[in-house]
Amino acid sequence: DIFGVFDIGANTLIQQHCLIGCYKYIKVGKSFCMAHRSQLLDSNLHWLVDSDTKIVKRFSKSIICGDYCWICTNSLVLGGGEFA
């Protein structure tokens, strides 16, 4: 999305064939490594409506990865997670 923010720390390594879907906010700290074929998705891109209240629920939550984190091959990280 044009309003999404991907905040990248120093010495970040993102390998080949990775997918980063940043609808709202994703932050990775310094010396972050993302192995090939992994995904960071802060949204499932599906609107959810409560049929009783007619309220559309938020479908995006931030992802925050601390310094020196490593995402291994073929991993999927969804929004709402914060780890260090």
Protein backbone atom coordinates (compact mmCIF):
# COMPACT_ATOMS: atom_id res chain seq x y z
CA ASP A 1 0.00 0.00 0.00
CA ILE A 2 1.25 3.49 -0.67
CA PHE A 3 0.77 4.44 2.98
CA GLY A 4 2.67 1.48 4.46
CA VAL A 5 5.97 2.13 6.25
CA PHE A 6 8.84 -0.37 6.10
CA ASP A 7 11.47 0.75 8.63
CA ILE A 8 14.80 -1.01 7.98
CA GLY A 9 17.72 -1.14 10.44
CA ALA A 10 21.42 -1.05 9.53
CA ASN A 11 23.10 -4.15 8.08
CA THR A 12 19.81 -5.78 7.08
CA LEU A 13 20.00 -8.80 4.77
CA ILE A 14 16.94 -9.94 2.81
CA GLN A 15 17.63 -12.97 0.63
CA GLN A 16 16.10 -13.90 -2.74
CA HIS A 17 12.41 -14.69 -3.35
CA CYS A 18 11.17 -13.04 -0.14
CA LEU A 19 7.80 -11.30 0.08
CA ILE A 20 7.18 -8.22 2.22
CA GLY A 21 3.57 -7.06 2.29
CA CYS A 22 3.54 -3.78 4.15
CA TYR A 23 0.05 -2.29 4.38
CA LYS A 24 0.53 -0.47 7.70
CA TYR A 25 3.93 -0.76 9.47
CA ILE A 26 6.83 -3.20 9.55
CA LYS A 27 10.05 -2.49 11.43
CA VAL A 28 13.20 -4.63 11.41
CA GLY A 29 16.12 -3.82 13.69
CA LYS A 30 19.83 -3.75 12.97
CA SER A 31 21.56 -6.88 11.63
CA PHE A 32 18.20 -8.45 10.75
CA CYS A 33 18.37 -11.44 8.38
CA MET A 34 15.50 -12.87 6.34
CA ALA A 35 16.30 -16.17 4.61
CA HIS A 36 15.04 -16.97 1.11
CA ARG A 37 11.36 -17.69 0.39
CA SER A 38 10.19 -16.10 3.66
CA GLN A 39 7.32 -13.65 4.10
CA LEU A 40 6.47 -10.68 6.33
CA LEU A 41 2.78 -9.75 5.97
CA ASP A 42 1.21 -7.14 8.22
CA SER A 43 -2.23 -7.68 6.66
CA ASN A 44 -4.33 -10.58 5.41
CA LEU A 45 -6.00 -8.14 2.96
CA HIS A 46 -9.48 -9.35 3.93
CA TRP A 47 -12.01 -6.91 5.31
CA LEU A 48 -14.01 -8.40 8.20
CA VAL A 49 -17.46 -7.06 9.00
CA ASP A 50 -19.29 -7.82 12.23
CA SER A 51 -22.74 -8.67 10.88
CA ASP A 52 -24.46 -7.60 14.13
CA THR A 53 -22.84 -4.19 14.58
CA LYS A 54 -22.00 -3.55 10.88
CA ILE A 55 -18.51 -2.46 11.97
CA VAL A 56 -15.59 -3.19 9.67
CA LYS A 57 -12.73 -4.60 11.73
CA ARG A 58 -9.10 -3.63 11.14
CA PHE A 59 -7.32 -6.19 9.00
CA SER A 60 -3.76 -4.98 9.51
CA LYS A 61 -1.44 -5.11 12.52
CA SER A 62 2.19 -3.99 12.78
CA ILE A 63 5.21 -6.29 12.83
CA ILE A 64 8.26 -5.31 14.88
CA CYS A 65 11.43 -7.40 14.70
CA GLY A 66 14.20 -6.42 17.11
CA ASP A 67 17.95 -6.23 16.56
CA TYR A 68 19.80 -9.39 15.46
CA CYS A 69 16.63 -11.33 14.54
CA TRP A 70 16.72 -14.07 11.94
CA ILE A 71 13.74 -15.37 9.97
CA CYS A 72 14.54 -18.85 8.68
CA THR A 73 13.81 -20.25 5.18
CA ASN A 74 10.13 -20.63 4.17
CA SER A 75 8.83 -18.77 7.26
CA LEU A 76 5.67 -16.68 7.42
CA VAL A 77 5.39 -13.83 9.94
CA LEU A 78 1.93 -12.26 10.24
CA GLY A 79 0.93 -8.91 11.75
CA GLY A 80 0.42 -8.49 15.47
CA GLY A 81 3.80 -9.97 16.36
CA GLU A 82 6.64 -8.31 18.20
CA PHE A 83 9.80 -10.26 18.89
CA ALA A 84 13.41 -9.59 19.74
